[in-house]
Amino acid sequence: MNNAVHGKGEKKWWYGIAVMLMICVFFVGMDYTQTGSITWSVWPVAAVLFFGVGFSLLNRFGRE
């Protein structure tokens, strides 16, 4: 508990995935507020999810 309070612990494996999801929510939110529907944000969201989340999961579970 003491290490967690003073910030000496390791990063969790899912932090990268959480950041990628926040980026996706940002893109979709910008698209929706500007156009009233989801139009152009499909491509950046797909790229972020494919590369960011995919590689994060491969690093976590794909190594032996």
Protein backbone atom coordinates (compact mmCIF):
# COMPACT_ATOMS: atom_id res chain seq x y z
CA MET A 1 0.00 0.00 0.00
CA ASN A 2 2.86 2.37 0.79
CA ASN A 3 4.31 1.96 -2.72
CA ALA A 4 0.97 2.79 -4.30
CA VAL A 5 0.62 5.99 -2.28
CA HIS A 6 4.08 7.25 -3.21
CA GLY A 7 3.89 6.24 -6.88
CA LYS A 8 6.64 3.61 -6.95
CA GLY A 9 4.50 0.84 -8.40
CA GLU A 10 4.47 -0.39 -11.99
CA LYS A 11 2.09 0.78 -14.69
CA LYS A 12 -0.87 -1.53 -15.12
CA TRP A 13 -1.03 -3.45 -18.39
CA TRP A 14 -4.39 -1.91 -19.30
CA TYR A 15 -3.34 1.76 -19.04
CA GLY A 16 -2.46 1.91 -22.74
CA ILE A 17 -5.86 0.49 -23.65
CA ALA A 18 -7.60 3.08 -21.46
CA VAL A 19 -5.71 5.89 -23.19
CA MET A 20 -6.65 4.52 -26.61
CA LEU A 21 -10.31 4.35 -25.60
CA MET A 22 -10.21 7.95 -24.36
CA ILE A 23 -8.77 9.01 -27.74
CA CYS A 24 -11.60 7.16 -29.50
CA VAL A 25 -14.23 8.85 -27.34
CA PHE A 26 -12.63 12.21 -28.17
CA PHE A 27 -12.80 11.59 -31.93
CA VAL A 28 -16.38 10.34 -31.82
CA GLY A 29 -17.43 13.21 -29.57
CA MET A 30 -15.90 15.82 -31.87
CA ASP A 31 -17.53 14.23 -34.90
CA TYR A 32 -20.94 14.00 -33.25
CA THR A 33 -20.94 17.58 -31.95
CA GLN A 34 -19.89 19.01 -35.32
CA THR A 35 -22.11 17.01 -37.65
CA GLY A 36 -24.87 15.58 -35.45
CA SER A 37 -23.95 12.05 -36.52
CA ILE A 38 -20.90 9.82 -36.71
CA THR A 39 -19.34 10.26 -40.15
CA TRP A 40 -15.57 10.70 -40.49
CA SER A 41 -14.51 9.46 -37.04
CA VAL A 42 -14.99 5.81 -37.98
CA TRP A 43 -11.55 5.63 -39.64
CA PRO A 44 -9.40 7.15 -36.86
CA VAL A 45 -11.30 5.16 -34.24
CA ALA A 46 -10.79 1.93 -36.19
CA ALA A 47 -7.08 2.68 -36.62
CA VAL A 48 -6.59 3.52 -32.94
CA LEU A 49 -8.45 0.42 -31.79
CA PHE A 50 -6.71 -1.89 -34.26
CA PHE A 51 -3.16 -0.71 -33.68
CA GLY A 52 -3.27 0.64 -30.14
CA VAL A 53 -5.46 -1.88 -28.41
CA GLY A 54 -4.38 -4.78 -30.60
CA PHE A 55 -0.68 -4.27 -29.95
CA SER A 56 -1.30 -3.65 -26.25
CA LEU A 57 -3.11 -6.97 -25.97
CA LEU A 58 -0.43 -8.74 -27.99
CA ASN A 59 2.25 -7.41 -25.66
CA ARG A 60 0.26 -8.57 -22.65
CA PHE A 61 -0.91 -12.01 -23.81
CA GLY A 62 1.14 -12.85 -26.89
CA ARG A 63 4.53 -13.31 -25.27
CA GLU A 64 5.64 -16.58 -23.83
